[in-house]
Protein backbone atom coordinates (compact mmCIF):
# COMPACT_ATOMS: atom_id res chain seq x y z
CA MET A 1 -174.54 -2.54 -129.98
CA ALA A 2 -172.70 -0.09 -132.19
CA LYS A 3 -174.67 -1.23 -135.21
CA LYS A 4 -178.00 -0.69 -133.29
CA LYS A 5 -176.92 2.86 -132.28
CA LYS A 6 -175.96 3.63 -135.92
CA ALA A 7 -179.31 2.25 -137.13
CA ASP A 8 -181.17 4.47 -134.56
CA LYS A 9 -179.20 7.51 -135.63
CA ASP A 10 -180.01 6.82 -139.36
CA ASP A 11 -183.73 6.35 -138.58
CA LYS A 12 -183.70 9.69 -136.66
CA LEU A 13 -181.96 11.38 -139.56
CA LYS A 14 -184.39 9.95 -142.10
CA ALA A 15 -187.31 11.04 -139.98
CA LYS A 16 -185.82 14.61 -139.72
CA VAL A 17 -185.25 14.71 -143.57
CA LYS A 18 -188.86 13.46 -144.14
CA LYS A 19 -190.15 16.10 -141.69
CA LEU A 20 -188.21 18.81 -143.49
CA ARG A 21 -189.36 17.61 -146.92
CA THR A 22 -193.03 17.68 -145.70
CA LYS A 23 -192.55 21.19 -144.48
CA ALA A 24 -190.92 22.36 -147.65
CA LYS A 25 -193.76 20.80 -149.65
CA ALA A 26 -196.26 22.71 -147.58
CA LEU A 27 -194.33 26.02 -148.04
CA LYS A 28 -194.11 25.45 -151.71
CA ALA A 29 -197.82 24.84 -151.93
CA GLU A 30 -198.50 27.95 -149.90
CA LEU A 31 -196.16 30.03 -152.12
CA ALA A 32 -197.85 28.70 -155.29
CA ALA A 33 -201.24 29.72 -153.83
CA VAL A 34 -200.22 33.35 -153.39
CA ALA A 35 -197.92 33.49 -156.47
CA PRO A 36 -200.61 35.14 -158.72
CA ALA A 37 -200.85 37.99 -156.17
CA LYS A 38 -197.28 38.67 -155.33
CA ILE A 39 -196.64 41.24 -152.83
CA LYS A 40 -194.76 44.14 -154.32
CA SER A 41 -192.22 45.32 -151.83
CA LYS A 42 -190.28 47.78 -153.97
CA THR A 43 -190.90 51.45 -153.34
CA VAL A 44 -190.66 53.78 -156.37
CA ALA A 45 -189.78 57.42 -156.00
CA VAL A 46 -192.27 59.80 -157.61
CA SER A 47 -191.00 61.32 -160.89
CA PRO A 48 -189.14 64.56 -160.35
CA LEU A 49 -191.12 65.95 -163.21
CA ALA A 50 -194.54 65.12 -161.64
CA PRO A 51 -197.19 67.73 -160.85
CA LYS A 52 -197.33 68.82 -157.24
CA SER A 53 -200.63 67.08 -156.63
CA PHE A 54 -203.63 65.37 -158.42
CA PRO A 55 -205.82 68.08 -159.89
CA ASP A 56 -209.26 68.87 -158.47
CA LEU A 57 -211.36 67.28 -161.26
CA PRO A 58 -215.02 68.29 -161.63
CA GLN A 59 -217.62 65.71 -161.12
CA ILE A 60 -219.23 64.76 -164.46
CA GLY A 61 -223.01 64.27 -164.41
CA GLY A 62 -223.88 60.79 -165.25
CA VAL A 63 -220.49 59.19 -164.39
CA GLU A 64 -219.67 57.15 -161.32
CA PHE A 65 -216.44 55.43 -160.30
CA ALA A 66 -215.26 52.67 -158.08
CA SER A 67 -211.98 50.84 -157.43
CA ALA A 68 -210.84 47.67 -155.63
CA ALA A 69 -207.87 45.55 -154.81
CA ALA A 70 -208.55 42.30 -156.50
CA GLY A 71 -205.17 40.80 -156.28
CA VAL A 72 -204.71 40.42 -160.06
CA ARG A 73 -200.90 40.40 -159.70
CA TYR A 74 -199.98 42.00 -156.34
CA ALA A 75 -201.65 41.59 -152.91
CA GLY A 76 -202.98 44.63 -151.23
CA ARG A 77 -202.75 46.97 -154.27
CA THR A 78 -205.70 48.72 -155.86
CA ASP A 79 -205.77 47.22 -159.30
CA VAL A 80 -209.32 47.36 -160.80
CA MET A 81 -211.44 50.34 -161.74
CA LEU A 82 -215.10 50.56 -162.81
CA ALA A 83 -216.79 53.49 -164.38
CA ARG A 84 -220.53 53.50 -164.92
CA VAL A 85 -221.90 55.90 -167.60
CA ALA A 86 -225.59 57.06 -167.64
CA PRO A 87 -228.09 55.78 -170.26
CA GLY A 88 -228.10 57.86 -173.49
CA SER A 89 -224.31 58.45 -173.42
CA ALA A 90 -222.22 58.57 -176.47
CA ILE A 91 -218.91 56.51 -176.63
CA ALA A 92 -215.92 57.02 -178.90
CA GLY A 93 -212.45 55.50 -178.94
CA VAL A 94 -209.09 54.98 -180.64
CA PHE A 95 -206.85 52.03 -180.04
CA THR A 96 -203.36 50.71 -180.81
CA THR A 97 -202.85 49.39 -184.25
CA SER A 98 -200.34 46.77 -183.10
CA SER A 99 -200.79 43.41 -184.98
CA THR A 100 -200.62 41.75 -181.55
CA ARG A 101 -203.46 43.65 -179.91
CA ALA A 102 -204.76 42.32 -176.64
CA ALA A 103 -208.20 40.64 -176.56
CA CYS A 104 -209.75 43.52 -174.74
CA VAL A 105 -208.72 46.01 -177.51
CA LEU A 106 -210.24 43.79 -180.17
CA ASP A 107 -213.45 43.41 -178.16
CA CYS A 108 -213.78 47.20 -177.69
CA GLN A 109 -213.22 47.83 -181.34
CA ALA A 110 -215.91 45.33 -182.22
CA LYS A 111 -218.38 46.84 -179.73
CA LEU A 112 -217.93 50.43 -180.94
CA ALA A 113 -218.77 49.30 -184.44
CA MET A 114 -222.18 47.91 -183.19
CA ARG A 115 -225.40 49.81 -183.52
CA VAL A 116 -226.51 51.05 -180.06
CA PRO A 117 -229.97 51.88 -178.71
CA GLN A 118 -230.26 55.54 -177.82
CA ASP A 119 -231.10 54.85 -174.12
CA ALA A 120 -228.19 52.42 -173.58
CA GLY A 121 -225.94 53.05 -170.64
CA ALA A 122 -222.27 51.92 -170.65
CA ALA A 123 -219.46 50.83 -168.39
CA ILE A 124 -215.67 50.70 -168.56
CA ILE A 125 -213.73 48.13 -166.33
CA VAL A 126 -209.96 48.28 -166.29
CA ASN A 127 -207.37 46.06 -164.46
CA SER A 128 -203.69 46.54 -163.95
CA GLY A 129 -201.07 43.86 -163.35
CA ASN A 130 -201.91 41.67 -166.41
CA ALA A 131 -202.32 42.79 -170.01
CA ASN A 132 -204.39 39.77 -171.08
CA ALA A 133 -202.44 39.91 -174.37
CA PHE A 134 -201.05 36.98 -176.42
CA THR A 135 -203.17 34.61 -174.41
CA GLY A 136 -205.06 32.90 -177.21
CA GLN A 137 -208.70 32.08 -176.94
CA ALA A 138 -208.40 32.21 -173.24
CA GLY A 139 -208.00 35.97 -173.56
CA GLN A 140 -211.43 36.55 -175.21
CA SER A 141 -212.90 34.07 -172.70
CA ALA A 142 -211.55 36.22 -169.89
CA VAL A 143 -212.90 39.38 -171.54
CA ASP A 144 -216.35 37.77 -171.93
CA ALA A 145 -216.38 36.65 -168.23
CA VAL A 146 -215.50 40.04 -166.92
CA THR A 147 -217.67 42.09 -169.18
CA GLY A 148 -220.58 39.67 -168.62
CA ALA A 149 -220.30 39.97 -164.92
CA VAL A 150 -220.32 43.78 -165.08
CA ALA A 151 -223.30 43.68 -167.48
CA GLU A 152 -225.26 41.48 -165.25
CA ALA A 153 -224.45 43.52 -162.03
CA LEU A 154 -225.28 46.90 -163.75
CA ASP A 155 -228.18 45.50 -165.78
CA MET A 156 -226.94 46.45 -169.25
CA PRO A 157 -226.03 44.69 -172.41
CA ALA A 158 -222.57 43.13 -172.40
CA SER A 159 -222.01 44.89 -175.79
CA ARG A 160 -221.88 48.24 -173.77
CA VAL A 161 -219.26 47.08 -171.35
CA PHE A 162 -215.79 48.01 -172.46
CA SER A 163 -212.72 46.49 -170.87
CA SER A 164 -208.98 47.21 -170.66
CA SER A 165 -206.08 45.37 -169.22
CA THR A 166 -202.53 46.45 -168.69
CA GLY A 167 -199.40 44.73 -167.29
CA VAL A 168 -197.51 41.67 -168.02
CA ILE A 169 -197.96 40.13 -171.55
CA GLY A 170 -198.43 36.40 -172.18
CA GLU A 171 -199.82 35.35 -168.83
CA PRO A 172 -203.48 34.21 -168.46
CA LEU A 173 -205.68 36.82 -166.87
CA PRO A 174 -206.96 35.54 -163.48
CA TYR A 175 -210.36 37.03 -164.41
CA GLU A 176 -212.11 35.16 -161.56
CA LYS A 177 -210.53 37.68 -159.19
CA ILE A 178 -211.98 40.57 -161.14
CA VAL A 179 -215.44 38.91 -161.42
CA GLU A 180 -215.40 38.32 -157.66
CA ALA A 181 -214.76 42.05 -157.13
CA VAL A 182 -217.59 43.30 -159.31
CA THR A 183 -220.34 43.25 -156.67
CA GLY A 184 -218.26 45.40 -154.33
CA LEU A 185 -217.37 47.71 -157.20
CA LYS A 186 -221.05 48.21 -157.99
CA ASP A 187 -221.84 48.95 -154.34
CA SER A 188 -219.16 51.56 -153.97
CA LEU A 189 -219.78 53.59 -157.28
CA SER A 190 -219.53 57.26 -156.57
CA PRO A 191 -219.32 60.48 -158.66
CA ALA A 192 -216.32 61.43 -156.55
CA GLY A 193 -214.21 58.32 -157.16
CA ILE A 194 -212.16 59.41 -160.10
CA GLU A 195 -208.80 59.89 -158.34
CA ASP A 196 -208.88 56.34 -156.81
CA ALA A 197 -209.78 55.10 -160.27
CA ALA A 198 -206.67 56.80 -161.70
CA ARG A 199 -204.54 55.08 -159.06
CA ALA A 200 -206.14 51.71 -159.84
CA ILE A 201 -204.87 51.65 -163.44
CA MET A 202 -201.24 52.40 -162.68
CA THR A 203 -198.44 49.95 -163.41
CA THR A 204 -194.95 51.39 -163.41
CA ASP A 205 -196.43 54.88 -163.09
CA THR A 206 -195.10 56.89 -160.19
CA TYR A 207 -198.22 59.15 -159.84
CA PRO A 208 -201.87 59.04 -160.92
CA LYS A 209 -202.61 61.34 -163.93
CA GLY A 210 -205.67 63.62 -164.28
CA ALA A 211 -206.64 66.66 -166.30
CA MET A 212 -209.78 68.77 -166.80
CA ALA A 213 -211.35 71.63 -168.73
CA GLU A 214 -214.50 73.70 -168.48
CA ILE A 215 -216.07 75.92 -171.15
CA GLU A 216 -219.30 77.89 -171.46
CA GLY A 217 -221.53 76.30 -174.00
CA ASP A 218 -224.82 77.61 -175.41
CA GLY A 219 -226.98 77.64 -172.31
CA GLY A 220 -224.63 76.12 -169.79
CA THR A 221 -221.20 74.88 -168.72
CA ILE A 222 -219.63 71.88 -170.31
CA ARG A 223 -217.14 69.81 -168.27
CA ILE A 224 -214.34 67.46 -169.30
CA ALA A 225 -212.41 65.23 -166.88
CA GLY A 226 -209.80 62.63 -167.83
CA ILE A 227 -207.45 60.13 -166.30
CA ALA A 228 -204.58 58.20 -167.86
CA LYS A 229 -201.85 55.63 -167.10
CA GLY A 230 -198.61 55.38 -168.90
CA SER A 231 -194.90 55.32 -168.17
CA GLY A 232 -193.21 52.95 -170.53
CA MET A 233 -193.92 51.37 -173.89
CA ILE A 234 -194.88 54.76 -175.17
CA ALA A 235 -194.76 55.23 -178.90
CA PRO A 236 -198.31 54.96 -180.02
CA ASN A 237 -200.03 54.74 -183.31
CA MET A 238 -203.71 55.82 -183.08
CA ALA A 239 -203.78 55.89 -179.33
CA THR A 240 -201.60 55.33 -176.35
CA MET A 241 -201.41 53.78 -172.96
CA LEU A 242 -204.83 53.73 -171.16
CA VAL A 243 -206.82 56.99 -171.27
CA TYR A 244 -210.42 57.62 -170.20
CA LEU A 245 -212.11 60.91 -170.78
CA PHE A 246 -215.60 61.89 -169.57
CA THR A 247 -217.68 64.90 -170.43
CA ASP A 248 -221.29 65.99 -169.81
CA ALA A 249 -221.47 67.48 -173.40
CA ARG A 250 -224.51 66.67 -175.54
CA ILE A 251 -222.95 65.26 -178.67
CA SER A 252 -223.50 62.27 -180.90
CA ALA A 253 -221.01 59.39 -181.01
CA ASP A 254 -220.03 60.00 -184.56
CA ARG A 255 -219.22 63.74 -184.03
CA LEU A 256 -217.30 62.82 -180.82
CA GLN A 257 -215.32 60.28 -182.78
CA LYS A 258 -214.49 62.79 -185.49
CA MET A 259 -213.14 65.25 -182.93
CA LEU A 260 -211.16 62.52 -181.08
CA SER A 261 -209.55 61.20 -184.17
CA ARG A 262 -208.63 64.67 -185.30
CA GLN A 263 -206.89 65.47 -182.06
CA VAL A 264 -205.02 62.29 -181.40
CA ASP A 265 -202.17 62.83 -183.78
CA ASP A 266 -200.87 66.07 -182.21
CA THR A 267 -201.43 64.85 -178.67
CA PHE A 268 -201.14 61.12 -177.84
CA ASN A 269 -199.46 60.23 -181.08
CA ALA A 270 -196.84 62.93 -180.61
CA ILE A 271 -195.11 61.47 -177.51
CA THR A 272 -192.56 58.78 -176.97
CA VAL A 273 -190.65 57.48 -174.05
CA ASP A 274 -188.89 54.37 -175.49
CA SER A 275 -190.15 53.83 -179.08
CA ASP A 276 -192.13 50.69 -178.01
CA THR A 277 -195.85 50.42 -178.73
CA SER A 278 -198.03 48.53 -176.34
CA THR A 279 -200.43 45.64 -177.22
CA SER A 280 -203.07 47.31 -175.01
CA ASP A 281 -203.30 51.04 -175.86
CA ALA A 282 -206.81 52.44 -175.58
CA LEU A 283 -208.37 55.91 -175.48
CA ILE A 284 -212.15 55.97 -174.68
CA VAL A 285 -214.27 59.02 -174.41
CA ALA A 286 -217.87 59.05 -172.88
CA ALA A 287 -220.24 61.95 -173.34
CA THR A 288 -223.24 61.82 -171.00
CA GLY A 289 -225.21 64.63 -172.44
CA GLN A 290 -226.23 65.91 -168.95
CA SER A 291 -224.88 69.46 -169.41
CA LYS A 292 -227.55 72.16 -169.70
CA ALA A 293 -225.70 73.45 -172.72
CA ALA A 294 -227.32 72.98 -176.10
CA GLU A 295 -226.38 69.88 -178.17
CA ILE A 296 -223.29 70.24 -180.34
CA SER A 297 -224.75 69.40 -183.69
CA ASP A 298 -222.64 71.38 -186.10
CA LEU A 299 -218.89 70.73 -186.03
CA ARG A 300 -218.37 74.21 -187.69
CA SER A 301 -220.07 76.10 -184.92
CA ALA A 302 -218.21 78.24 -182.37
CA GLU A 303 -219.52 75.96 -179.62
CA ALA A 304 -218.10 72.82 -181.35
CA LYS A 305 -214.74 74.47 -181.88
CA ALA A 306 -214.53 75.57 -178.27
CA PHE A 307 -215.40 72.07 -177.13
CA GLU A 308 -212.88 70.46 -179.36
CA ALA A 309 -210.13 72.93 -178.25
CA ALA A 310 -210.98 72.08 -174.71
CA LEU A 311 -210.97 68.28 -175.42
CA ARG A 312 -207.55 68.78 -177.04
CA SER A 313 -206.23 70.62 -173.99
CA VAL A 314 -207.12 67.72 -171.69
CA MET A 315 -205.64 65.20 -174.07
CA MET A 316 -202.44 67.30 -174.39
CA ASP A 317 -202.11 67.60 -170.56
CA LEU A 318 -202.48 63.88 -170.01
CA ALA A 319 -200.07 63.14 -172.90
CA HIS A 320 -197.39 65.45 -171.33
CA GLN A 321 -197.99 63.91 -167.93
CA VAL A 322 -197.20 60.48 -169.38
CA VAL A 323 -193.89 61.76 -170.76
CA ARG A 324 -193.11 63.49 -167.41
CA ASP A 325 -193.56 60.03 -165.80
CA GLY A 326 -191.45 58.21 -168.35
CA GLU A 327 -189.68 55.28 -166.70
CA GLY A 328 -186.52 56.81 -165.06
CA ALA A 329 -187.07 60.25 -166.63
CA THR A 330 -185.49 63.32 -165.28
CA LYS A 331 -185.93 65.70 -168.24
CA PHE A 332 -189.06 66.69 -170.21
CA VAL A 333 -188.08 67.54 -173.82
CA GLU A 334 -189.86 69.07 -176.73
CA ILE A 335 -188.52 68.22 -180.15
CA ARG A 336 -189.61 71.05 -182.55
CA VAL A 337 -189.06 70.59 -186.26
CA THR A 338 -189.98 73.40 -188.61
CA ARG A 339 -189.75 74.19 -192.39
CA ALA A 340 -189.79 70.49 -193.39
CA ALA A 341 -190.69 69.54 -197.06
CA SER A 342 -193.82 67.72 -195.86
CA LYS A 343 -195.84 66.88 -192.81
CA GLU A 344 -194.57 63.27 -193.03
CA ASP A 345 -190.98 64.46 -193.15
CA ALA A 346 -191.49 66.71 -190.11
CA HIS A 347 -192.96 63.77 -188.13
CA ARG A 348 -190.10 61.49 -189.28
CA VAL A 349 -187.39 63.88 -188.18
CA ALA A 350 -189.09 64.65 -184.83
CA MET A 351 -189.50 61.01 -183.95
CA SER A 352 -185.98 60.12 -185.11
CA ILE A 353 -184.57 62.57 -182.73
CA ALA A 354 -186.92 61.77 -179.81
CA ASN A 355 -186.33 58.10 -180.02
CA SER A 356 -182.65 58.21 -180.49
CA PRO A 357 -180.83 56.43 -177.63
CA LEU A 358 -177.76 58.54 -178.26
CA VAL A 359 -179.70 61.87 -178.10
CA LYS A 360 -181.62 60.72 -175.03
CA THR A 361 -178.57 59.54 -173.07
CA ALA A 362 -176.79 62.77 -173.91
CA ILE A 363 -179.76 64.66 -172.52
CA ALA A 364 -179.57 62.44 -169.31
CA GLY A 365 -175.94 63.25 -168.95
CA GLU A 366 -176.62 66.99 -169.58
CA ASP A 367 -174.26 66.76 -172.50
CA ALA A 368 -174.94 69.43 -175.27
CA ASN A 369 -173.93 66.94 -178.00
CA TRP A 370 -175.76 68.46 -180.96
CA GLY A 371 -173.88 66.21 -183.35
CA ARG A 372 -176.19 63.37 -182.22
CA VAL A 373 -179.18 65.49 -183.35
CA VAL A 374 -177.51 65.83 -186.76
CA ALA A 375 -177.11 62.13 -187.00
CA ALA A 376 -180.66 61.54 -185.99
CA VAL A 377 -181.92 63.92 -188.78
CA GLY A 378 -179.71 62.15 -191.28
CA LYS A 379 -181.03 58.69 -190.45
CA SER A 380 -184.68 59.63 -190.39
CA GLY A 381 -185.23 59.01 -194.17
CA ALA A 382 -186.68 62.58 -194.52
CA GLN A 383 -185.48 65.04 -197.03
CA ALA A 384 -182.65 67.18 -195.56
CA ASP A 385 -179.93 69.55 -196.77
CA ARG A 386 -176.81 69.92 -194.60
CA ASP A 387 -176.27 73.50 -195.63
CA LYS A 388 -179.87 74.58 -194.85
CA LEU A 389 -180.08 72.76 -191.57
CA LYS A 390 -180.27 74.87 -188.33
CA ILE A 391 -180.20 73.29 -184.84
CA SER A 392 -181.04 75.20 -181.70
CA PHE A 393 -181.19 74.24 -177.94
CA GLY A 394 -183.62 76.70 -176.41
CA ASP A 395 -182.94 80.10 -177.88
CA MET A 396 -179.32 79.23 -178.75
CA VAL A 397 -178.44 78.45 -182.34
CA LEU A 398 -175.70 75.80 -182.16
CA ALA A 399 -175.25 74.79 -185.75
CA GLU A 400 -176.27 76.32 -189.23
CA LYS A 401 -175.18 76.57 -192.81
CA GLY A 402 -173.40 73.22 -192.58
CA TRP A 403 -171.15 74.13 -189.70
CA ARG A 404 -171.07 75.07 -186.01
CA ALA A 405 -172.60 78.55 -185.37
CA PRO A 406 -169.98 81.30 -185.19
CA ASP A 407 -171.10 82.37 -181.72
CA TYR A 408 -171.42 78.86 -180.31
CA SER A 409 -170.67 78.58 -176.69
CA GLU A 410 -170.14 75.11 -175.18
CA GLU A 411 -170.39 76.60 -171.71
CA ALA A 412 -173.78 78.19 -172.38
CA ALA A 413 -175.07 75.13 -174.13
CA SER A 414 -174.00 72.82 -171.25
CA ALA A 415 -175.63 75.20 -168.70
CA TYR A 416 -178.95 75.05 -170.66
CA MET A 417 -178.85 71.18 -170.57
CA LYS A 418 -179.05 71.19 -166.74
CA GLY A 419 -182.66 72.40 -166.87
CA GLU A 420 -185.56 70.02 -166.36
CA GLU A 421 -187.48 71.27 -169.33
CA LEU A 422 -185.70 71.45 -172.69
CA VAL A 423 -186.51 72.37 -176.26
CA ILE A 424 -184.47 70.98 -179.17
CA ALA A 425 -185.32 72.75 -182.41
CA VAL A 426 -184.48 71.71 -185.91
CA ASP A 427 -185.18 74.04 -188.88
CA LEU A 428 -184.86 72.03 -192.10
CA GLY A 429 -185.18 75.04 -194.31
CA LEU A 430 -186.97 73.17 -197.11
CA GLY A 431 -190.73 73.90 -196.74
CA ARG A 432 -193.58 75.01 -194.49
CA ALA A 433 -194.45 71.84 -192.52
CA SER A 434 -193.79 71.58 -188.83
CA LYS A 435 -194.22 69.05 -185.99
CA SER A 436 -193.68 69.03 -182.30
CA VAL A 437 -193.22 65.87 -180.26
CA TRP A 438 -192.47 65.32 -176.67
CA THR A 439 -190.00 62.84 -175.03
CA CYS A 440 -187.77 62.39 -172.04
CA ASP A 441 -184.22 61.34 -171.29
CA LEU A 442 -182.92 57.76 -171.12
CA THR A 443 -181.32 57.02 -167.67
CA HIS A 444 -180.13 54.07 -165.63
CA GLY A 445 -183.57 54.20 -164.05
CA TYR A 446 -185.18 52.89 -167.19
CA ILE A 447 -183.03 49.92 -167.30
CA ASP A 448 -183.57 49.17 -163.65
CA ILE A 449 -187.37 49.24 -164.05
CA ASN A 450 -187.46 47.11 -167.15
CA ALA A 451 -184.73 44.60 -166.26
CA ASP A 452 -186.82 43.06 -163.55
CA TYR A 453 -190.33 44.10 -164.54
CA ARG A 454 -191.81 40.56 -163.98
CA SER A 455 -189.81 39.79 -160.71
């Protein structure tokens, strides 16, 4: 009798275990099904350096935007942006020079090198959540599938559809989700959708970034509007982050490209958050030619110079916004190098200081440790002379002639470091070259964001 009771008990226990295993298996399968679209539960505070609001950007004739939540990585989060550009538009771009460039970057570069019919339209499709980088042949297949779907939906050649992806590196892009969203994106295209588009391309950004400019051309107003994403992995070479600029100017692609290439070094190539260059950096400009102003055909003309200055101002605004949204940033810092022996030396010194973890952590701690600036100058590889070097924080000269300045005040220097916007100036005293770059401090927030970026 006892043996029968024990056997019954064992059978009940086995049945219970089997039931639990079945339930666990079902839960595991359910979890696997939603894994590619994890729900992001973390809330991120907006950077203290952020603008008060998204700017009121002008609508650009010939450009429409749409955005959608495709579930590329997170459920319920807007993560795909589509921009349709009118036929006859000129396209220019600059991209990361990383040797591990993402498939979408390589694809854009190849397409920009192609001959284009004058009446060809264009489109830009961007996803966040997955960089589609270091994914082998599957990466190009994903690009082809996405750009092909957009081309079919918008009735344009696939060679005029430019794509970008940003997010985690090394994971296959679930392109089917993007392809599935294309019809809805097409149906919701609107000239007024640029702010939502800016939000769709965010990753660790804490706010959407936009900038604009308007100038009077010969016969009408020329407008420029731009959006960007970027917060970490910011130390570009020929481009940075993801940036999309739109203008109604009448200008050829080659002239637009010349202006863009000329202005990138002092804007997007002059910022750094953490010295790391992304695999996916892209800056694309589209000019629709729908302004009533005359065509910009002579780069030496007053109209061309005014337009290029306006283009530069939008690029600079967006570049600075990226630094202000640097991961964990609490300080916006200009590194200003003057009287270097060469432009190359000025750049080396500026970036050495801007990327120094010792300098950046001192700034985070509001410590006026100018000795770390001295060390960064010395390690830069640029020509420098201890006895000609002058270091200033704001208007205060802290060190000169090989020694601490006679009227140096630790109290005043420390008080200056409490500000949100700082200028660290280095006068090398060797020549006429100068360079300014912009960076931010390095806080525990940067570590917190990047320590669990994929979790």
